[in-house]
Amino acid sequence: METLTSHGRAGRLVATALGVGLLLAGTLLGLDDHFPFGPFRMYSTSPPANAPAPDTRVEGVDRTGTVIALGQDATGIRRAEIEGQQARYAADPDRLRQVAEAYAERHPDAPALVEVRIVIRWYGIQQGRPTGRWTDETAVRWVTIR
């Protein structure tokens, strides 16, 4: 077994100090985008006990008026991708056209979608427990020009 040289020990100490320094700086000043050197707030915070809980979904309406759930199986687009880009969809609802196109690619024989919307279902919470009540909010809507 070989012994570590003084240069090797010094290198390991510098690397360890640098790692600890990045973790400390990330903990104090970092954002989720800095993970793993910044906090991942999804796991470090909780909502207030009486705050409604959101459940985001994407749905479409075809030309026959049928409402279709546009989840990953229907479009190939994960819900997290939609939620992560929701502000961009809100700023430019025409971007939802891509969801309609992804659906059409996977379902070429299905009636065309004339509307795609991002809907948030707000579940009522009271003292940390579900109330059984909810409200739906259409956060973003794209409608084809007919």
Foldseek 3Di string as FASTA:
>chain_A
DDDQDPVRVVVVVVVVVVLVVLLVCQDVPNDCVSPPSHDVVVPVDDDDQFFWDKDKFKWFAFPVRDIGTLACVQQVDHPVVCVVCVVVCLVPVVVCVNSQVSNCVVPVPDGGTFKMFMKIWTFGGDRNHTPPDIDIDGRGMDGHDD
